[in-house]
N, C-alpha and C. Protein backbone atom coordinates (compact mmCIF):
# COMPACT_ATOMS: atom_id res chain seq x y z
N MET A 1 -12.95 -53.74 -14.06
CA MET A 1 -12.08 -53.44 -15.17
C MET A 1 -11.94 -51.93 -15.28
N LYS A 2 -10.72 -51.43 -15.16
CA LYS A 2 -10.49 -50.00 -15.28
C LYS A 2 -10.30 -49.66 -16.74
N LEU A 3 -11.02 -48.68 -17.17
CA LEU A 3 -10.95 -48.25 -18.57
C LEU A 3 -10.48 -46.81 -18.63
N ARG A 4 -9.65 -46.52 -19.60
CA ARG A 4 -9.31 -45.13 -19.87
C ARG A 4 -10.16 -44.70 -21.04
N LYS A 5 -10.77 -43.57 -20.90
CA LYS A 5 -11.67 -43.10 -21.93
C LYS A 5 -11.32 -41.68 -22.34
N ILE A 6 -11.39 -41.44 -23.60
CA ILE A 6 -11.34 -40.07 -24.09
C ILE A 6 -12.68 -39.86 -24.77
N LEU A 7 -13.50 -39.02 -24.20
CA LEU A 7 -14.85 -38.87 -24.69
C LEU A 7 -14.89 -37.96 -25.91
N ALA A 8 -15.82 -38.24 -26.79
CA ALA A 8 -15.98 -37.48 -28.03
C ALA A 8 -16.38 -36.05 -27.73
N SER A 9 -16.45 -35.24 -28.77
CA SER A 9 -16.67 -33.81 -28.60
C SER A 9 -17.94 -33.47 -27.85
N GLY A 10 -18.93 -34.32 -27.88
CA GLY A 10 -20.19 -34.06 -27.17
C GLY A 10 -20.08 -34.23 -25.68
N LEU A 11 -18.97 -34.81 -25.22
CA LEU A 11 -18.79 -35.07 -23.79
C LEU A 11 -17.60 -34.29 -23.28
N ILE A 12 -17.53 -34.14 -21.99
CA ILE A 12 -16.41 -33.45 -21.36
C ILE A 12 -15.23 -34.40 -21.30
N ALA A 13 -14.06 -33.95 -21.74
CA ALA A 13 -12.88 -34.81 -21.69
C ALA A 13 -12.42 -34.94 -20.25
N LEU A 14 -12.10 -36.13 -19.85
CA LEU A 14 -11.65 -36.39 -18.50
C LEU A 14 -10.19 -36.81 -18.57
N LEU A 15 -9.33 -36.06 -17.90
CA LEU A 15 -7.92 -36.34 -17.98
C LEU A 15 -7.41 -36.84 -16.64
N GLY A 16 -6.46 -37.75 -16.67
CA GLY A 16 -5.83 -38.26 -15.47
C GLY A 16 -6.64 -39.37 -14.84
N THR A 17 -6.12 -39.89 -13.76
CA THR A 17 -6.80 -40.98 -13.07
C THR A 17 -7.21 -40.60 -11.67
N THR A 18 -7.04 -39.32 -11.29
CA THR A 18 -7.42 -38.91 -9.95
C THR A 18 -8.92 -38.87 -9.83
N SER A 19 -9.37 -39.06 -8.61
CA SER A 19 -10.80 -39.07 -8.33
C SER A 19 -11.37 -37.67 -8.54
N LEU A 20 -12.58 -37.61 -9.07
CA LEU A 20 -13.26 -36.35 -9.26
C LEU A 20 -13.86 -35.90 -7.94
N ALA A 21 -13.97 -34.62 -7.73
CA ALA A 21 -14.58 -34.12 -6.50
C ALA A 21 -15.58 -33.03 -6.85
N SER A 22 -16.70 -33.05 -6.19
CA SER A 22 -17.70 -32.02 -6.43
C SER A 22 -17.45 -30.85 -5.49
N ALA A 23 -18.05 -29.71 -5.80
CA ALA A 23 -17.85 -28.52 -5.00
C ALA A 23 -18.88 -28.40 -3.89
N LEU A 24 -19.76 -29.37 -3.72
CA LEU A 24 -20.77 -29.28 -2.69
C LEU A 24 -20.83 -30.57 -1.88
N ASP A 25 -21.32 -30.43 -0.65
CA ASP A 25 -21.49 -31.59 0.22
C ASP A 25 -22.75 -32.33 -0.19
N ILE A 26 -22.69 -33.64 -0.19
CA ILE A 26 -23.79 -34.48 -0.65
C ILE A 26 -24.22 -35.42 0.45
N SER A 27 -25.52 -35.51 0.68
CA SER A 27 -26.02 -36.42 1.71
C SER A 27 -26.62 -37.68 1.12
N GLU A 28 -27.01 -37.62 -0.16
CA GLU A 28 -27.70 -38.76 -0.75
C GLU A 28 -27.61 -38.71 -2.27
N VAL A 29 -27.51 -39.88 -2.87
CA VAL A 29 -27.60 -40.02 -4.32
C VAL A 29 -28.69 -41.04 -4.58
N ASP A 30 -29.66 -40.66 -5.40
CA ASP A 30 -30.79 -41.54 -5.71
C ASP A 30 -30.93 -41.64 -7.22
N VAL A 31 -30.79 -42.85 -7.75
CA VAL A 31 -30.90 -43.08 -9.20
C VAL A 31 -32.15 -43.89 -9.46
N SER A 32 -32.95 -43.44 -10.42
CA SER A 32 -34.13 -44.21 -10.81
C SER A 32 -34.16 -44.37 -12.33
N ALA A 33 -34.61 -45.53 -12.74
CA ALA A 33 -34.74 -45.85 -14.16
C ALA A 33 -35.86 -46.87 -14.29
N ASP A 34 -36.80 -46.59 -15.16
CA ASP A 34 -37.91 -47.51 -15.35
C ASP A 34 -37.52 -48.57 -16.37
N LEU A 35 -36.94 -49.64 -15.87
CA LEU A 35 -36.46 -50.72 -16.74
C LEU A 35 -37.60 -51.48 -17.40
N THR A 36 -38.82 -51.33 -16.89
CA THR A 36 -39.96 -52.04 -17.49
C THR A 36 -40.33 -51.50 -18.86
N THR A 37 -39.81 -50.33 -19.22
CA THR A 37 -40.12 -49.75 -20.53
C THR A 37 -39.28 -50.36 -21.65
N ILE A 38 -38.26 -51.13 -21.30
CA ILE A 38 -37.40 -51.73 -22.31
C ILE A 38 -38.07 -52.98 -22.86
N GLU A 39 -38.31 -52.99 -24.16
CA GLU A 39 -39.03 -54.09 -24.79
C GLU A 39 -38.11 -55.20 -25.29
N ASN A 40 -36.91 -54.86 -25.68
CA ASN A 40 -35.98 -55.84 -26.23
C ASN A 40 -35.33 -56.63 -25.10
N PRO A 41 -35.46 -57.97 -25.07
CA PRO A 41 -34.90 -58.77 -23.98
C PRO A 41 -33.38 -58.62 -23.83
N GLN A 42 -32.67 -58.49 -24.94
CA GLN A 42 -31.22 -58.31 -24.89
C GLN A 42 -30.86 -56.97 -24.25
N ALA A 43 -31.59 -55.93 -24.60
CA ALA A 43 -31.36 -54.61 -24.01
C ALA A 43 -31.72 -54.61 -22.53
N ALA A 44 -32.80 -55.28 -22.16
CA ALA A 44 -33.21 -55.36 -20.76
C ALA A 44 -32.13 -56.04 -19.91
N GLU A 45 -31.53 -57.09 -20.44
CA GLU A 45 -30.45 -57.78 -19.73
C GLU A 45 -29.22 -56.86 -19.60
N PHE A 46 -28.92 -56.11 -20.65
CA PHE A 46 -27.78 -55.20 -20.66
C PHE A 46 -27.91 -54.16 -19.56
N TRP A 47 -29.13 -53.60 -19.35
CA TRP A 47 -29.35 -52.52 -18.39
C TRP A 47 -29.84 -53.01 -17.03
N ASN A 48 -29.89 -54.30 -16.79
CA ASN A 48 -30.50 -54.90 -15.62
C ASN A 48 -30.13 -54.28 -14.28
N THR A 49 -28.89 -53.95 -14.04
CA THR A 49 -28.44 -53.43 -12.74
C THR A 49 -28.08 -51.94 -12.80
N LEU A 50 -28.63 -51.23 -13.74
CA LEU A 50 -28.26 -49.84 -13.97
C LEU A 50 -28.42 -48.96 -12.74
N GLU A 51 -29.55 -49.00 -12.07
CA GLU A 51 -29.78 -48.10 -10.93
C GLU A 51 -28.70 -48.25 -9.86
N ALA A 52 -28.47 -49.45 -9.42
CA ALA A 52 -27.49 -49.70 -8.36
C ALA A 52 -26.07 -49.38 -8.83
N ASP A 53 -25.73 -49.76 -10.05
CA ASP A 53 -24.38 -49.53 -10.55
C ASP A 53 -24.08 -48.04 -10.73
N LEU A 54 -25.03 -47.28 -11.26
CA LEU A 54 -24.82 -45.85 -11.46
C LEU A 54 -24.76 -45.12 -10.13
N GLU A 55 -25.62 -45.50 -9.21
CA GLU A 55 -25.59 -44.89 -7.88
C GLU A 55 -24.24 -45.14 -7.21
N SER A 56 -23.75 -46.37 -7.27
CA SER A 56 -22.45 -46.71 -6.67
C SER A 56 -21.31 -45.94 -7.34
N ALA A 57 -21.36 -45.81 -8.66
CA ALA A 57 -20.31 -45.10 -9.40
C ALA A 57 -20.25 -43.63 -8.99
N ILE A 58 -21.41 -43.00 -8.84
CA ILE A 58 -21.45 -41.59 -8.43
C ILE A 58 -20.96 -41.45 -6.99
N LEU A 59 -21.45 -42.32 -6.09
CA LEU A 59 -21.05 -42.25 -4.68
C LEU A 59 -19.55 -42.45 -4.52
N GLU A 60 -18.98 -43.33 -5.31
CA GLU A 60 -17.53 -43.57 -5.24
C GLU A 60 -16.75 -42.30 -5.60
N LEU A 61 -17.26 -41.54 -6.56
CA LEU A 61 -16.56 -40.33 -7.00
C LEU A 61 -16.71 -39.16 -6.03
N VAL A 62 -17.76 -39.18 -5.21
CA VAL A 62 -18.00 -38.08 -4.26
C VAL A 62 -17.83 -38.53 -2.81
N ALA A 63 -17.15 -39.62 -2.59
CA ALA A 63 -17.01 -40.20 -1.25
C ALA A 63 -16.50 -39.18 -0.23
N ASP A 64 -15.61 -38.30 -0.63
CA ASP A 64 -15.04 -37.31 0.29
C ASP A 64 -16.01 -36.18 0.62
N GLU A 65 -17.10 -36.06 -0.14
CA GLU A 65 -18.07 -34.98 0.07
C GLU A 65 -19.36 -35.46 0.74
N ILE A 66 -19.41 -36.71 1.17
CA ILE A 66 -20.62 -37.25 1.79
C ILE A 66 -20.73 -36.73 3.23
N VAL A 67 -21.87 -36.12 3.54
CA VAL A 67 -22.15 -35.59 4.88
C VAL A 67 -23.59 -35.93 5.24
N ASP A 68 -23.95 -35.73 6.51
CA ASP A 68 -25.32 -36.00 6.95
C ASP A 68 -26.32 -34.98 6.42
N GLU A 69 -25.94 -33.71 6.39
CA GLU A 69 -26.84 -32.64 5.98
C GLU A 69 -26.31 -31.94 4.74
N GLY A 70 -26.45 -32.55 3.60
CA GLY A 70 -25.96 -31.95 2.36
C GLY A 70 -27.02 -32.00 1.28
N ALA A 71 -26.60 -31.80 0.07
CA ALA A 71 -27.51 -31.81 -1.07
C ALA A 71 -27.89 -33.24 -1.44
N ARG A 72 -29.06 -33.39 -1.97
CA ARG A 72 -29.55 -34.67 -2.47
C ARG A 72 -29.42 -34.63 -4.00
N VAL A 73 -28.75 -35.62 -4.56
CA VAL A 73 -28.58 -35.71 -6.01
C VAL A 73 -29.54 -36.78 -6.51
N VAL A 74 -30.49 -36.36 -7.35
CA VAL A 74 -31.51 -37.26 -7.89
C VAL A 74 -31.26 -37.41 -9.38
N VAL A 75 -31.07 -38.65 -9.82
CA VAL A 75 -30.81 -38.94 -11.23
C VAL A 75 -31.98 -39.75 -11.77
N ASN A 76 -32.68 -39.20 -12.74
CA ASN A 76 -33.79 -39.89 -13.39
C ASN A 76 -33.36 -40.26 -14.81
N ILE A 77 -33.08 -41.53 -15.02
CA ILE A 77 -32.68 -41.99 -16.35
C ILE A 77 -33.94 -42.07 -17.20
N GLU A 78 -33.94 -41.36 -18.32
CA GLU A 78 -35.11 -41.28 -19.18
C GLU A 78 -35.03 -42.21 -20.38
N SER A 79 -33.81 -42.52 -20.83
CA SER A 79 -33.64 -43.38 -21.99
C SER A 79 -32.38 -44.21 -21.79
N PHE A 80 -32.46 -45.47 -22.18
CA PHE A 80 -31.37 -46.40 -21.95
C PHE A 80 -30.60 -46.72 -23.21
N SER A 81 -31.24 -46.66 -24.33
CA SER A 81 -30.60 -47.07 -25.57
C SER A 81 -31.37 -46.47 -26.73
N ILE A 82 -30.67 -46.25 -27.80
CA ILE A 82 -31.32 -45.69 -28.99
C ILE A 82 -32.26 -46.70 -29.63
N ASN A 83 -31.90 -47.98 -29.58
CA ASN A 83 -32.76 -48.97 -30.23
C ASN A 83 -33.12 -50.13 -29.29
N ASP A 84 -33.99 -49.84 -28.32
CA ASP A 84 -34.39 -50.90 -27.41
C ASP A 84 -35.79 -51.43 -27.73
N ALA A 85 -36.35 -51.08 -28.87
CA ALA A 85 -37.67 -51.58 -29.26
C ALA A 85 -37.61 -53.08 -29.51
N ALA A 86 -38.71 -53.76 -29.27
CA ALA A 86 -38.75 -55.22 -29.39
C ALA A 86 -38.42 -55.69 -30.80
N ASP A 87 -38.79 -54.89 -31.81
CA ASP A 87 -38.57 -55.33 -33.19
C ASP A 87 -37.20 -54.93 -33.73
N ALA A 88 -36.39 -54.25 -32.94
CA ALA A 88 -35.07 -53.82 -33.40
C ALA A 88 -34.00 -54.74 -32.82
N THR A 89 -32.90 -54.84 -33.51
CA THR A 89 -31.77 -55.62 -33.04
C THR A 89 -30.92 -54.73 -32.14
N PHE A 90 -30.69 -55.18 -30.93
CA PHE A 90 -29.89 -54.41 -29.99
C PHE A 90 -28.42 -54.46 -30.40
N SER A 91 -27.76 -53.33 -30.40
CA SER A 91 -26.34 -53.30 -30.73
C SER A 91 -25.62 -52.35 -29.79
N MET A 92 -24.38 -52.67 -29.49
CA MET A 92 -23.56 -51.86 -28.59
C MET A 92 -23.36 -50.45 -29.15
N GLU A 93 -23.22 -50.34 -30.47
CA GLU A 93 -22.95 -49.04 -31.08
C GLU A 93 -24.04 -48.02 -30.77
N ASN A 94 -25.25 -48.49 -30.49
CA ASN A 94 -26.37 -47.59 -30.24
C ASN A 94 -26.67 -47.39 -28.76
N ALA A 95 -25.90 -48.01 -27.89
CA ALA A 95 -26.16 -47.89 -26.46
C ALA A 95 -25.91 -46.47 -25.99
N ALA A 96 -26.84 -45.95 -25.20
CA ALA A 96 -26.75 -44.58 -24.68
C ALA A 96 -27.50 -44.47 -23.37
N LEU A 97 -27.12 -43.50 -22.58
CA LEU A 97 -27.83 -43.15 -21.36
C LEU A 97 -28.22 -41.68 -21.45
N ILE A 98 -29.48 -41.39 -21.20
CA ILE A 98 -29.96 -40.02 -21.20
C ILE A 98 -30.77 -39.84 -19.92
N GLY A 99 -30.46 -38.79 -19.19
CA GLY A 99 -31.16 -38.59 -17.93
C GLY A 99 -31.20 -37.14 -17.51
N ARG A 100 -32.04 -36.89 -16.52
CA ARG A 100 -32.16 -35.56 -15.93
C ARG A 100 -31.65 -35.67 -14.50
N ILE A 101 -30.78 -34.73 -14.14
CA ILE A 101 -30.17 -34.72 -12.82
C ILE A 101 -30.67 -33.49 -12.07
N HIS A 102 -31.09 -33.71 -10.82
CA HIS A 102 -31.57 -32.63 -9.95
C HIS A 102 -30.71 -32.62 -8.69
N VAL A 103 -30.23 -31.44 -8.32
CA VAL A 103 -29.51 -31.26 -7.08
C VAL A 103 -30.41 -30.44 -6.17
N ILE A 104 -30.79 -31.04 -5.04
CA ILE A 104 -31.76 -30.42 -4.14
C ILE A 104 -31.14 -30.32 -2.75
N ASN A 105 -31.14 -29.12 -2.19
CA ASN A 105 -30.71 -28.94 -0.81
C ASN A 105 -31.72 -28.03 -0.13
N LEU A 106 -32.55 -28.60 0.72
CA LEU A 106 -33.59 -27.83 1.40
C LEU A 106 -33.02 -26.81 2.37
N GLU A 107 -31.77 -26.99 2.78
CA GLU A 107 -31.11 -26.05 3.69
C GLU A 107 -30.44 -24.90 2.95
N ASN A 108 -30.16 -25.08 1.65
CA ASN A 108 -29.44 -24.07 0.88
C ASN A 108 -29.97 -24.07 -0.55
N ASN A 109 -30.92 -23.21 -0.85
CA ASN A 109 -31.52 -23.14 -2.19
C ASN A 109 -30.52 -22.72 -3.27
N ALA A 110 -29.42 -22.10 -2.88
CA ALA A 110 -28.41 -21.69 -3.86
C ALA A 110 -27.76 -22.90 -4.52
N GLU A 111 -27.86 -24.06 -3.90
CA GLU A 111 -27.27 -25.27 -4.47
C GLU A 111 -28.21 -25.99 -5.43
N PHE A 112 -29.44 -25.49 -5.60
CA PHE A 112 -30.37 -26.14 -6.52
C PHE A 112 -29.81 -26.08 -7.93
N ASN A 113 -29.90 -27.19 -8.61
CA ASN A 113 -29.44 -27.27 -9.99
C ASN A 113 -30.22 -28.39 -10.68
N SER A 114 -30.46 -28.24 -11.94
CA SER A 114 -31.14 -29.27 -12.72
C SER A 114 -30.58 -29.22 -14.14
N PHE A 115 -30.21 -30.39 -14.67
CA PHE A 115 -29.66 -30.42 -16.01
C PHE A 115 -29.90 -31.78 -16.64
N GLU A 116 -29.84 -31.81 -17.96
CA GLU A 116 -29.97 -33.06 -18.70
C GLU A 116 -28.57 -33.49 -19.14
N LEU A 117 -28.37 -34.82 -19.14
CA LEU A 117 -27.08 -35.36 -19.52
C LEU A 117 -27.31 -36.53 -20.46
N SER A 118 -26.52 -36.59 -21.50
CA SER A 118 -26.59 -37.67 -22.48
C SER A 118 -25.20 -38.20 -22.73
N VAL A 119 -25.04 -39.51 -22.63
CA VAL A 119 -23.76 -40.17 -22.90
C VAL A 119 -24.05 -41.32 -23.84
N SER A 120 -23.32 -41.37 -24.94
CA SER A 120 -23.49 -42.42 -25.94
C SER A 120 -22.17 -43.13 -26.17
N ILE A 121 -22.22 -44.41 -26.35
CA ILE A 121 -21.01 -45.18 -26.62
C ILE A 121 -20.44 -44.82 -28.00
N GLU A 122 -21.32 -44.42 -28.91
CA GLU A 122 -20.89 -44.02 -30.24
C GLU A 122 -20.03 -42.76 -30.14
N GLY A 123 -18.89 -42.79 -30.77
CA GLY A 123 -18.01 -41.63 -30.76
C GLY A 123 -16.97 -41.65 -29.66
N MET A 124 -17.07 -42.60 -28.74
CA MET A 124 -16.07 -42.69 -27.68
C MET A 124 -14.85 -43.46 -28.19
N THR A 125 -13.72 -43.09 -27.65
CA THR A 125 -12.51 -43.86 -27.86
C THR A 125 -12.21 -44.54 -26.54
N VAL A 126 -12.18 -45.84 -26.55
CA VAL A 126 -12.00 -46.60 -25.32
C VAL A 126 -10.77 -47.48 -25.46
N ALA A 127 -10.02 -47.58 -24.37
CA ALA A 127 -8.83 -48.44 -24.36
C ALA A 127 -8.97 -49.45 -23.23
N ASP A 128 -8.42 -50.63 -23.43
CA ASP A 128 -8.43 -51.63 -22.37
C ASP A 128 -7.30 -51.34 -21.37
N GLU A 129 -7.10 -52.25 -20.41
CA GLU A 129 -6.09 -52.03 -19.36
C GLU A 129 -4.69 -51.83 -19.91
N SER A 130 -4.39 -52.43 -21.04
CA SER A 130 -3.05 -52.30 -21.62
C SER A 130 -2.89 -51.03 -22.45
N GLY A 131 -3.97 -50.28 -22.64
CA GLY A 131 -3.92 -49.06 -23.44
C GLY A 131 -4.25 -49.28 -24.90
N THR A 132 -4.58 -50.51 -25.25
CA THR A 132 -4.93 -50.82 -26.63
C THR A 132 -6.33 -50.32 -26.94
N PRO A 133 -6.50 -49.52 -28.00
CA PRO A 133 -7.84 -49.05 -28.35
C PRO A 133 -8.79 -50.21 -28.66
N VAL A 134 -10.03 -50.05 -28.25
CA VAL A 134 -11.05 -51.05 -28.50
C VAL A 134 -12.09 -50.43 -29.41
N ILE A 135 -12.37 -51.08 -30.52
CA ILE A 135 -13.38 -50.60 -31.46
C ILE A 135 -14.75 -50.90 -30.85
N VAL A 136 -15.62 -49.89 -30.84
CA VAL A 136 -16.92 -50.03 -30.21
C VAL A 136 -17.68 -51.24 -30.74
N ALA A 137 -17.65 -51.48 -32.04
CA ALA A 137 -18.39 -52.59 -32.63
C ALA A 137 -17.87 -53.95 -32.13
N GLN A 138 -16.63 -53.99 -31.65
CA GLN A 138 -16.05 -55.24 -31.17
C GLN A 138 -16.05 -55.33 -29.64
N MET A 139 -16.62 -54.35 -28.99
CA MET A 139 -16.63 -54.29 -27.55
C MET A 139 -17.53 -55.37 -26.95
N GLU A 140 -17.06 -55.98 -25.88
CA GLU A 140 -17.91 -56.91 -25.14
C GLU A 140 -19.00 -56.10 -24.44
N PRO A 141 -20.20 -56.66 -24.28
CA PRO A 141 -21.29 -55.92 -23.63
C PRO A 141 -20.91 -55.38 -22.24
N GLU A 142 -20.15 -56.15 -21.47
CA GLU A 142 -19.77 -55.71 -20.13
C GLU A 142 -18.91 -54.45 -20.19
N MET A 143 -18.00 -54.41 -21.14
CA MET A 143 -17.12 -53.25 -21.29
C MET A 143 -17.92 -52.02 -21.72
N ALA A 144 -18.85 -52.20 -22.66
CA ALA A 144 -19.69 -51.09 -23.10
C ALA A 144 -20.53 -50.56 -21.94
N TYR A 145 -21.10 -51.45 -21.17
CA TYR A 145 -21.93 -51.07 -20.02
C TYR A 145 -21.10 -50.30 -19.00
N GLU A 146 -19.95 -50.84 -18.62
CA GLU A 146 -19.09 -50.19 -17.64
C GLU A 146 -18.63 -48.82 -18.13
N THR A 147 -18.35 -48.71 -19.41
CA THR A 147 -17.92 -47.44 -20.00
C THR A 147 -19.02 -46.41 -19.92
N LEU A 148 -20.24 -46.80 -20.27
CA LEU A 148 -21.37 -45.87 -20.20
C LEU A 148 -21.66 -45.43 -18.77
N VAL A 149 -21.71 -46.37 -17.85
CA VAL A 149 -22.02 -46.04 -16.46
C VAL A 149 -20.95 -45.13 -15.87
N SER A 150 -19.68 -45.47 -16.06
CA SER A 150 -18.62 -44.64 -15.48
C SER A 150 -18.57 -43.26 -16.14
N SER A 151 -18.78 -43.19 -17.44
CA SER A 151 -18.78 -41.89 -18.13
C SER A 151 -19.93 -41.02 -17.66
N PHE A 152 -21.11 -41.62 -17.50
CA PHE A 152 -22.27 -40.87 -17.03
C PHE A 152 -22.00 -40.35 -15.62
N ALA A 153 -21.50 -41.21 -14.74
CA ALA A 153 -21.22 -40.81 -13.36
C ALA A 153 -20.18 -39.69 -13.31
N GLU A 154 -19.10 -39.81 -14.08
CA GLU A 154 -18.06 -38.79 -14.10
C GLU A 154 -18.61 -37.45 -14.58
N ASN A 155 -19.47 -37.48 -15.58
CA ASN A 155 -20.06 -36.23 -16.08
C ASN A 155 -21.02 -35.62 -15.09
N VAL A 156 -21.79 -36.43 -14.35
CA VAL A 156 -22.66 -35.92 -13.30
C VAL A 156 -21.83 -35.18 -12.26
N VAL A 157 -20.77 -35.81 -11.78
CA VAL A 157 -19.94 -35.23 -10.72
C VAL A 157 -19.27 -33.95 -11.22
N GLU A 158 -18.81 -33.92 -12.45
CA GLU A 158 -18.20 -32.70 -12.97
C GLU A 158 -19.18 -31.53 -12.99
N ARG A 159 -20.44 -31.83 -13.18
CA ARG A 159 -21.46 -30.76 -13.22
C ARG A 159 -21.92 -30.32 -11.83
N LEU A 160 -21.50 -31.01 -10.78
CA LEU A 160 -21.91 -30.66 -9.42
C LEU A 160 -21.02 -29.57 -8.84
N GLU A 161 -20.87 -28.50 -9.53
CA GLU A 161 -20.00 -27.42 -9.04
C GLU A 161 -20.78 -26.20 -8.66
């Protein structure tokens, strides 16, 4: 499902539908997230395929920059949701991704970079395929998940300059 998103002030606005490109060659993208820390069963199901999905989303955006000897992009997701505790009710409005991104190139230390990135569904304006705005509280879990993953990936790639 392709979504058009206009991200809130805390995020970088992404305009157009063209593919994003990074300014450096990339040899590998590695995403890690400790899903065992999620106590709420509903939240655990929501984030179940996060590592593979986020890695694929980033690789898709940098496909033209993939080389054998380039920088390694390491994404460590530190938090999956604002309220994933077992005693809390999981809600889409509180879904967020927070992680630390490291760019490592042993051949070129000038490409080293490390930054934290946070993307929250709260405050986003999301539209479906027809362009109709979707209220976050009424969003299907799949749409919220896809929106968070694609927004996080797009912001990672924008910072790879």
